[in-house]
Amino acid sequence: MFDLRAGLLGLCLLPLWALPVKAEETLGIFYPSVKQPKDVQKAFADDAALKNVKVLAFGSFEDFQTAVTSENITFALVPSAYIRYFDDFEGLYQLTLDGKSTFQDVVVTLDPAWNEARLDQGIVGAINVIGREKTRKMVEDLLAGKSFKRLKQVSKIADLYPLLALGNAQYAIFSPHDLDMVKAEFASKPIQVFRTGDVLHPLITVRKTKKSKNGDFFLKLSPSTLKTLGVNGIKSFSK
């Protein structure tokens, strides 16, 4: 017969490391990439640096924003543009690639007839990263005043290249990392039209109402974890 007292005593004698640890904070990740959200979530959740952090990754901006209002999210890993257009979070750590904080997006086409001079006649495909209205403003800023006929927005990187292939857009905007990953999957190869101005790599941010949380454990994220988002370093963020 099971001895309840002995069982309770044995549980009390378990070392602390053997007991389940409750996550103290929640990290919300929204950074569109070629990686599936579930793969990004697993990579970050499995990182020893985040052993006491609950990790949630989202596949669309709308899902992320809903979670921001309904989940107790303390930290968020987001495109750098997010903190320019929304006030809930502020920059805490800057992700980097080979020591650099910035990169340039690449505007590509599949048809050489659609060159930079014809941009104002064409449809541009882009990822909805900060809501449809704000993403349009972001793209206008990104293209530094260059006009275009219309913007076609999709929620996933995987949907962006088919816009070109099906003729639903003449141009598309990719990060260099995503473009390298995507173009290997298609027979038709993209033609670079031009590069945009500098863009900051994604940021790890903290909710302003909880900015006393310094999140220094993020500095211990492994290179293999960061690689899932096309970066390999992290440093303190400065405006």
C-alpha atoms as a PDB file:
ATOM      1  CA  MET A   1       0.000   0.000   0.000  1.00  0.00           C
ATOM      2  CA  PHE A   2       1.254   3.482  -0.847  1.00  0.00           C
ATOM      3  CA  ASP A   3       2.443   5.403   2.219  1.00  0.00           C
ATOM      4  CA  LEU A   4       1.167   8.961   1.731  1.00  0.00           C
ATOM      5  CA  ARG A   5       3.377  10.382   4.484  1.00  0.00           C
ATOM      6  CA  ALA A   6       6.476   8.779   3.009  1.00  0.00           C
ATOM      7  CA  GLY A   7       5.567  10.083  -0.450  1.00  0.00           C
ATOM      8  CA  LEU A   8       5.141  13.636   0.809  1.00  0.00           C
ATOM      9  CA  LEU A   9       8.403  13.418   2.718  1.00  0.00           C
ATOM     10  CA  GLY A  10      10.200  12.198  -0.396  1.00  0.00           C
ATOM     11  CA  LEU A  11       8.824  15.118  -2.385  1.00  0.00           C
ATOM     12  CA  CYS A  12      10.034  17.547   0.251  1.00  0.00           C
ATOM     13  CA  LEU A  13      13.523  16.043   0.050  1.00  0.00           C
ATOM     14  CA  LEU A  14      13.806  16.511  -3.727  1.00  0.00           C
ATOM     15  CA  PRO A  15      16.581  18.945  -4.677  1.00  0.00           C
ATOM     16  CA  LEU A  16      15.326  22.326  -5.870  1.00  0.00           C
ATOM     17  CA  TRP A  17      16.627  21.765  -9.392  1.00  0.00           C
ATOM     18  CA  ALA A  18      14.385  18.722  -9.725  1.00  0.00           C
ATOM     19  CA  LEU A  19      11.218  20.673  -9.025  1.00  0.00           C
ATOM     20  CA  PRO A  20       9.306  22.356 -11.869  1.00  0.00           C
ATOM     21  CA  VAL A  21      10.180  26.030 -12.292  1.00  0.00           C
ATOM     22  CA  LYS A  22       7.417  28.503 -12.953  1.00  0.00           C
ATOM     23  CA  ALA A  23       8.160  31.029 -15.682  1.00  0.00           C
ATOM     24  CA  GLU A  24       8.646  34.451 -14.121  1.00  0.00           C
ATOM     25  CA  GLU A  25       8.254  36.552 -17.285  1.00  0.00           C
ATOM     26  CA  THR A  26       6.797  36.187 -20.777  1.00  0.00           C
ATOM     27  CA  LEU A  27       8.621  36.989 -24.018  1.00  0.00           C
ATOM     28  CA  GLY A  28       6.426  37.650 -27.056  1.00  0.00           C
ATOM     29  CA  ILE A  29       8.163  37.234 -30.416  1.00  0.00           C
ATOM     30  CA  PHE A  30       6.876  38.767 -33.610  1.00  0.00           C
ATOM     31  CA  TYR A  31       9.500  39.000 -36.329  1.00  0.00           C
ATOM     32  CA  PRO A  32       8.429  37.694 -39.743  1.00  0.00           C
ATOM     33  CA  SER A  33      11.063  35.362 -41.182  1.00  0.00           C
ATOM     34  CA  VAL A  34      11.323  32.227 -43.243  1.00  0.00           C
ATOM     35  CA  LYS A  35      11.256  30.215 -40.025  1.00  0.00           C
ATOM     36  CA  GLN A  36       7.874  29.019 -38.808  1.00  0.00           C
ATOM     37  CA  PRO A  37       6.723  30.676 -35.541  1.00  0.00           C
ATOM     38  CA  LYS A  38       6.617  27.271 -33.819  1.00  0.00           C
ATOM     39  CA  ASP A  39      10.295  26.698 -34.740  1.00  0.00           C
ATOM     40  CA  VAL A  40      11.292  30.139 -33.496  1.00  0.00           C
ATOM     41  CA  GLN A  41       9.336  29.596 -30.290  1.00  0.00           C
ATOM     42  CA  LYS A  42      11.012  26.243 -29.694  1.00  0.00           C
ATOM     43  CA  ALA A  43      14.507  27.597 -30.355  1.00  0.00           C
ATOM     44  CA  PHE A  44      14.086  30.416 -27.845  1.00  0.00           C
ATOM     45  CA  ALA A  45      12.175  28.338 -25.285  1.00  0.00           C
ATOM     46  CA  ASP A  46      14.916  25.683 -25.350  1.00  0.00           C
ATOM     47  CA  ASP A  47      17.694  28.211 -24.756  1.00  0.00           C
ATOM     48  CA  ALA A  48      19.124  27.869 -21.246  1.00  0.00           C
ATOM     49  CA  ALA A  49      19.227  31.664 -20.919  1.00  0.00           C
ATOM     50  CA  LEU A  50      15.422  31.731 -20.971  1.00  0.00           C
ATOM     51  CA  LYS A  51      14.782  28.815 -18.620  1.00  0.00           C
ATOM     52  CA  ASN A  52      12.556  30.982 -16.406  1.00  0.00           C
ATOM     53  CA  VAL A  53      10.829  32.759 -19.294  1.00  0.00           C
ATOM     54  CA  LYS A  54       7.630  31.758 -21.069  1.00  0.00           C
ATOM     55  CA  VAL A  55       8.117  32.182 -24.835  1.00  0.00           C
ATOM     56  CA  LEU A  56       5.270  32.888 -27.271  1.00  0.00           C
ATOM     57  CA  ALA A  57       5.932  33.393 -31.005  1.00  0.00           C
ATOM     58  CA  PHE A  58       3.322  34.819 -33.361  1.00  0.00           C
ATOM     59  CA  GLY A  59       2.840  34.460 -37.100  1.00  0.00           C
ATOM     60  CA  SER A  60       0.940  37.684 -37.766  1.00  0.00           C
ATOM     61  CA  PHE A  61       0.962  41.229 -36.482  1.00  0.00           C
ATOM     62  CA  GLU A  62      -2.712  41.026 -35.551  1.00  0.00           C
ATOM     63  CA  ASP A  63      -2.170  37.935 -33.395  1.00  0.00           C
ATOM     64  CA  PHE A  64       0.762  39.612 -31.688  1.00  0.00           C
ATOM     65  CA  GLN A  65      -1.177  42.793 -30.949  1.00  0.00           C
ATOM     66  CA  THR A  66      -4.060  40.783 -29.512  1.00  0.00           C
ATOM     67  CA  ALA A  67      -1.607  39.005 -27.222  1.00  0.00           C
ATOM     68  CA  VAL A  68      -0.048  42.312 -26.152  1.00  0.00           C
ATOM     69  CA  THR A  69      -3.418  43.384 -24.783  1.00  0.00           C
ATOM     70  CA  SER A  70      -4.507  40.024 -23.376  1.00  0.00           C
ATOM     71  CA  GLU A  71      -1.296  38.255 -22.281  1.00  0.00           C
ATOM     72  CA  ASN A  72       1.028  39.355 -19.503  1.00  0.00           C
ATOM     73  CA  ILE A  73       3.901  40.015 -21.913  1.00  0.00           C
ATOM     74  CA  THR A  74       6.860  41.720 -20.261  1.00  0.00           C
ATOM     75  CA  PHE A  75       9.387  41.516 -23.108  1.00  0.00           C
ATOM     76  CA  ALA A  76       8.852  41.544 -26.861  1.00  0.00           C
ATOM     77  CA  LEU A  77      11.201  40.720 -29.729  1.00  0.00           C
ATOM     78  CA  VAL A  78       9.956  42.833 -32.630  1.00  0.00           C
ATOM     79  CA  PRO A  79      11.009  44.651 -35.823  1.00  0.00           C
ATOM     80  CA  SER A  80      12.804  47.872 -34.938  1.00  0.00           C
ATOM     81  CA  ALA A  81      10.009  49.910 -36.564  1.00  0.00           C
ATOM     82  CA  TYR A  82       7.580  48.718 -33.895  1.00  0.00           C
ATOM     83  CA  ILE A  83       8.738  51.137 -31.200  1.00  0.00           C
ATOM     84  CA  ARG A  84       8.509  54.054 -33.651  1.00  0.00           C
ATOM     85  CA  TYR A  85       4.794  53.495 -34.173  1.00  0.00           C
ATOM     86  CA  PHE A  86       3.620  51.997 -30.860  1.00  0.00           C
ATOM     87  CA  ASP A  87       4.160  53.266 -27.319  1.00  0.00           C
ATOM     88  CA  ASP A  88       3.737  50.156 -25.163  1.00  0.00           C
ATOM     89  CA  PHE A  89       7.370  48.995 -25.345  1.00  0.00           C
ATOM     90  CA  GLU A  90      10.821  50.559 -25.410  1.00  0.00           C
ATOM     91  CA  GLY A  91      14.115  49.222 -26.749  1.00  0.00           C
ATOM     92  CA  LEU A  92      16.240  47.190 -24.353  1.00  0.00           C
ATOM     93  CA  TYR A  93      18.633  45.119 -26.479  1.00  0.00           C
ATOM     94  CA  GLN A  94      19.712  45.372 -30.100  1.00  0.00           C
ATOM     95  CA  LEU A  95      20.244  42.216 -32.135  1.00  0.00           C
ATOM     96  CA  THR A  96      23.217  42.380 -34.494  1.00  0.00           C
ATOM     97  CA  LEU A  97      24.809  40.530 -37.397  1.00  0.00           C
ATOM     98  CA  ASP A  98      28.603  40.329 -37.502  1.00  0.00           C
ATOM     99  CA  GLY A  99      28.753  43.245 -35.074  1.00  0.00           C
ATOM    100  CA  LYS A 100      26.527  45.505 -37.172  1.00  0.00           C
ATOM    101  CA  SER A 101      23.229  46.916 -35.899  1.00  0.00           C
ATOM    102  CA  THR A 102      21.800  47.713 -39.326  1.00  0.00           C
ATOM    103  CA  PHE A 103      21.184  46.147 -42.721  1.00  0.00           C
ATOM    104  CA  GLN A 104      19.583  47.256 -45.983  1.00  0.00           C
ATOM    105  CA  ASP A 105      16.446  45.682 -47.373  1.00  0.00           C
ATOM    106  CA  VAL A 106      16.567  44.569 -51.000  1.00  0.00           C
ATOM    107  CA  VAL A 107      13.913  45.539 -53.543  1.00  0.00           C
ATOM    108  CA  VAL A 108      13.711  42.806 -56.196  1.00  0.00           C
ATOM    109  CA  THR A 109      11.749  41.900 -59.316  1.00  0.00           C
ATOM    110  CA  LEU A 110      11.514  38.872 -61.592  1.00  0.00           C
ATOM    111  CA  ASP A 111      11.172  40.925 -64.767  1.00  0.00           C
ATOM    112  CA  PRO A 112      14.162  43.070 -65.836  1.00  0.00           C
ATOM    113  CA  ALA A 113      11.749  45.472 -67.546  1.00  0.00           C
ATOM    114  CA  TRP A 114      10.623  46.610 -64.100  1.00  0.00           C
ATOM    115  CA  ASN A 115      13.646  48.675 -63.172  1.00  0.00           C
ATOM    116  CA  GLU A 116      14.023  51.443 -60.609  1.00  0.00           C
ATOM    117  CA  ALA A 117      12.825  54.080 -63.078  1.00  0.00           C
ATOM    118  CA  ARG A 118       9.443  52.325 -63.396  1.00  0.00           C
ATOM    119  CA  LEU A 119       8.812  51.945 -59.669  1.00  0.00           C
ATOM    120  CA  ASP A 120       6.072  54.579 -59.751  1.00  0.00           C
ATOM    121  CA  GLN A 121       4.110  52.401 -62.203  1.00  0.00           C
ATOM    122  CA  GLY A 122       4.392  49.169 -60.243  1.00  0.00           C
ATOM    123  CA  ILE A 123       2.896  47.348 -57.281  1.00  0.00           C
ATOM    124  CA  VAL A 124       5.249  46.699 -54.367  1.00  0.00           C
ATOM    125  CA  GLY A 125       4.891  43.618 -52.167  1.00  0.00           C
ATOM    126  CA  ALA A 126       5.825  43.851 -48.489  1.00  0.00           C
ATOM    127  CA  ILE A 127       5.264  42.096 -45.178  1.00  0.00           C
ATOM    128  CA  ASN A 128       2.683  43.542 -42.802  1.00  0.00           C
ATOM    129  CA  VAL A 129       4.918  44.074 -39.768  1.00  0.00           C
ATOM    130  CA  ILE A 130       3.210  46.899 -37.858  1.00  0.00           C
ATOM    131  CA  GLY A 131      -0.385  46.894 -39.085  1.00  0.00           C
ATOM    132  CA  ARG A 132      -1.573  47.650 -42.600  1.00  0.00           C
ATOM    133  CA  GLU A 133      -1.853  51.435 -42.317  1.00  0.00           C
ATOM    134  CA  LYS A 134       1.432  51.904 -40.469  1.00  0.00           C
ATOM    135  CA  THR A 135       3.284  49.443 -42.703  1.00  0.00           C
ATOM    136  CA  ARG A 136       2.467  51.605 -45.703  1.00  0.00           C
ATOM    137  CA  LYS A 137       4.009  54.619 -43.956  1.00  0.00           C
ATOM    138  CA  MET A 138       7.025  52.494 -43.022  1.00  0.00           C
ATOM    139  CA  VAL A 139       7.512  51.394 -46.653  1.00  0.00           C
ATOM    140  CA  GLU A 140       7.224  54.981 -47.873  1.00  0.00           C
ATOM    141  CA  ASP A 141       9.955  55.962 -45.421  1.00  0.00           C
ATOM    142  CA  LEU A 142      12.015  52.917 -46.386  1.00  0.00           C
ATOM    143  CA  LEU A 143      11.888  53.867 -50.065  1.00  0.00           C
ATOM    144  CA  ALA A 144      13.035  57.390 -49.203  1.00  0.00           C
ATOM    145  CA  GLY A 145      10.336  59.249 -51.069  1.00  0.00           C
ATOM    146  CA  LYS A 146      10.288  57.048 -54.168  1.00  0.00           C
ATOM    147  CA  SER A 147       6.693  56.748 -55.316  1.00  0.00           C
ATOM    148  CA  PHE A 148       4.954  53.518 -56.256  1.00  0.00           C
ATOM    149  CA  LYS A 149       1.523  52.699 -57.661  1.00  0.00           C
ATOM    150  CA  ARG A 150       0.222  50.505 -54.854  1.00  0.00           C
ATOM    151  CA  LEU A 151       1.350  48.413 -51.897  1.00  0.00           C
ATOM    152  CA  LYS A 152       0.375  44.753 -51.630  1.00  0.00           C
ATOM    153  CA  GLN A 153       0.784  43.399 -48.094  1.00  0.00           C
ATOM    154  CA  VAL A 154       1.046  39.787 -46.964  1.00  0.00           C
ATOM    155  CA  SER A 155       1.515  38.341 -43.494  1.00  0.00           C
ATOM    156  CA  LYS A 156       4.185  35.709 -44.240  1.00  0.00           C
ATOM    157  CA  ILE A 157       7.527  35.699 -46.043  1.00  0.00           C
ATOM    158  CA  ALA A 158       6.415  32.533 -47.830  1.00  0.00           C
ATOM    159  CA  ASP A 159       3.595  34.514 -49.482  1.00  0.00           C
ATOM    160  CA  LEU A 160       5.816  37.330 -50.724  1.00  0.00           C
ATOM    161  CA  TYR A 161       7.754  35.663 -53.538  1.00  0.00           C
ATOM    162  CA  PRO A 162       4.596  34.177 -55.150  1.00  0.00           C
ATOM    163  CA  LEU A 163       3.281  37.741 -55.548  1.00  0.00           C
ATOM    164  CA  LEU A 164       6.037  38.270 -58.087  1.00  0.00           C
ATOM    165  CA  ALA A 165       5.708  34.875 -59.713  1.00  0.00           C
ATOM    166  CA  LEU A 166       1.940  35.306 -60.227  1.00  0.00           C
ATOM    167  CA  GLY A 167       2.239  38.903 -61.420  1.00  0.00           C
ATOM    168  CA  ASN A 168       0.312  40.328 -58.460  1.00  0.00           C
ATOM    169  CA  ALA A 169       3.250  42.635 -57.749  1.00  0.00           C
ATOM    170  CA  GLN A 170       6.189  43.807 -59.836  1.00  0.00           C
ATOM    171  CA  TYR A 171       8.504  44.484 -56.902  1.00  0.00           C
ATOM    172  CA  ALA A 172       8.988  42.946 -53.463  1.00  0.00           C
ATOM    173  CA  ILE A 173      10.979  43.970 -50.394  1.00  0.00           C
ATOM    174  CA  PHE A 174      13.111  41.373 -48.601  1.00  0.00           C
ATOM    175  CA  SER A 175      15.777  41.385 -45.956  1.00  0.00           C
ATOM    176  CA  PRO A 176      19.017  39.896 -47.399  1.00  0.00           C
ATOM    177  CA  HIS A 177      18.731  36.910 -45.032  1.00  0.00           C
ATOM    178  CA  ASP A 178      15.174  36.058 -46.052  1.00  0.00           C
ATOM    179  CA  LEU A 179      15.924  36.587 -49.733  1.00  0.00           C
ATOM    180  CA  ASP A 180      18.836  34.135 -49.597  1.00  0.00           C
ATOM    181  CA  MET A 181      16.611  31.535 -47.948  1.00  0.00           C
ATOM    182  CA  VAL A 182      13.598  32.023 -50.226  1.00  0.00           C
ATOM    183  CA  LYS A 183      15.274  32.238 -53.630  1.00  0.00           C
ATOM    184  CA  ALA A 184      16.760  28.763 -53.204  1.00  0.00           C
ATOM    185  CA  GLU A 185      13.242  27.347 -53.319  1.00  0.00           C
ATOM    186  CA  PHE A 186      12.212  28.875 -56.663  1.00  0.00           C
ATOM    187  CA  ALA A 187      13.388  28.282 -60.215  1.00  0.00           C
ATOM    188  CA  SER A 188      12.992  31.933 -61.213  1.00  0.00           C
ATOM    189  CA  LYS A 189      15.728  34.027 -59.638  1.00  0.00           C
ATOM    190  CA  PRO A 190      15.155  37.548 -58.305  1.00  0.00           C
ATOM    191  CA  ILE A 191      16.787  40.564 -59.880  1.00  0.00           C
ATOM    192  CA  GLN A 192      17.973  43.244 -57.487  1.00  0.00           C
ATOM    193  CA  VAL A 193      16.471  46.623 -58.353  1.00  0.00           C
ATOM    194  CA  PHE A 194      18.006  48.646 -55.514  1.00  0.00           C
ATOM    195  CA  ARG A 195      18.732  48.605 -51.797  1.00  0.00           C
ATOM    196  CA  THR A 196      16.881  50.694 -49.242  1.00  0.00           C
ATOM    197  CA  GLY A 197      18.308  52.888 -46.536  1.00  0.00           C
ATOM    198  CA  ASP A 198      19.620  51.372 -43.307  1.00  0.00           C
ATOM    199  CA  VAL A 199      17.240  49.351 -41.130  1.00  0.00           C
ATOM    200  CA  LEU A 200      17.946  48.283 -37.564  1.00  0.00           C
ATOM    201  CA  HIS A 201      17.997  44.564 -36.878  1.00  0.00           C
ATOM    202  CA  PRO A 202      15.169  43.438 -34.536  1.00  0.00           C
ATOM    203  CA  LEU A 203      15.011  44.637 -30.956  1.00  0.00           C
ATOM    204  CA  ILE A 204      14.268  43.011 -27.649  1.00  0.00           C
ATOM    205  CA  THR A 205      11.993  45.476 -25.901  1.00  0.00           C
ATOM    206  CA  VAL A 206      10.433  45.813 -22.471  1.00  0.00           C
ATOM    207  CA  ARG A 207       6.924  46.971 -21.644  1.00  0.00           C
ATOM    208  CA  LYS A 208       7.216  50.514 -20.340  1.00  0.00           C
ATOM    209  CA  THR A 209       5.131  49.753 -17.276  1.00  0.00           C
ATOM    210  CA  LYS A 210       7.670  47.045 -16.378  1.00  0.00           C
ATOM    211  CA  LYS A 211      10.904  48.736 -17.420  1.00  0.00           C
ATOM    212  CA  SER A 212      12.434  47.996 -14.025  1.00  0.00           C
ATOM    213  CA  LYS A 213      12.966  44.480 -15.448  1.00  0.00           C
ATOM    214  CA  ASN A 214      16.426  44.660 -16.989  1.00  0.00           C
ATOM    215  CA  GLY A 215      16.317  41.303 -18.758  1.00  0.00           C
ATOM    216  CA  ASP A 216      20.097  40.868 -18.605  1.00  0.00           C
ATOM    217  CA  PHE A 217      19.633  37.133 -19.182  1.00  0.00           C
ATOM    218  CA  PHE A 218      19.003  37.932 -22.860  1.00  0.00           C
ATOM    219  CA  LEU A 219      22.705  38.730 -23.193  1.00  0.00           C
ATOM    220  CA  LYS A 220      23.356  35.012 -22.684  1.00  0.00           C
ATOM    221  CA  LEU A 221      21.279  33.852 -25.653  1.00  0.00           C
ATOM    222  CA  SER A 222      23.225  31.342 -27.699  1.00  0.00           C
ATOM    223  CA  PRO A 223      24.380  32.092 -31.281  1.00  0.00           C
ATOM    224  CA  SER A 224      22.366  29.114 -32.538  1.00  0.00           C
ATOM    225  CA  THR A 225      19.184  30.606 -31.068  1.00  0.00           C
ATOM    226  CA  LEU A 226      19.848  34.007 -32.602  1.00  0.00           C
ATOM    227  CA  LYS A 227      20.639  32.379 -35.952  1.00  0.00           C
ATOM    228  CA  THR A 228      16.966  31.392 -36.316  1.00  0.00           C
ATOM    229  CA  LEU A 229      16.275  35.096 -37.003  1.00  0.00           C
ATOM    230  CA  GLY A 230      19.343  35.688 -39.181  1.00  0.00           C
ATOM    231  CA  VAL A 231      21.459  37.434 -36.522  1.00  0.00           C
ATOM    232  CA  ASN A 232      24.358  36.324 -34.338  1.00  0.00           C
ATOM    233  CA  GLY A 233      24.890  38.925 -31.641  1.00  0.00           C
ATOM    234  CA  ILE A 234      23.177  41.096 -29.051  1.00  0.00           C
ATOM    235  CA  LYS A 235      24.066  44.333 -27.255  1.00  0.00           C
ATOM    236  CA  SER A 236      22.392  47.041 -25.199  1.00  0.00           C
ATOM    237  CA  PHE A 237      20.108  49.265 -27.239  1.00  0.00           C
ATOM    238  CA  SER A 238      20.800  52.964 -27.519  1.00  0.00           C
ATOM    239  CA  LYS A 239      18.572  55.397 -29.395  1.00  0.00           C
END
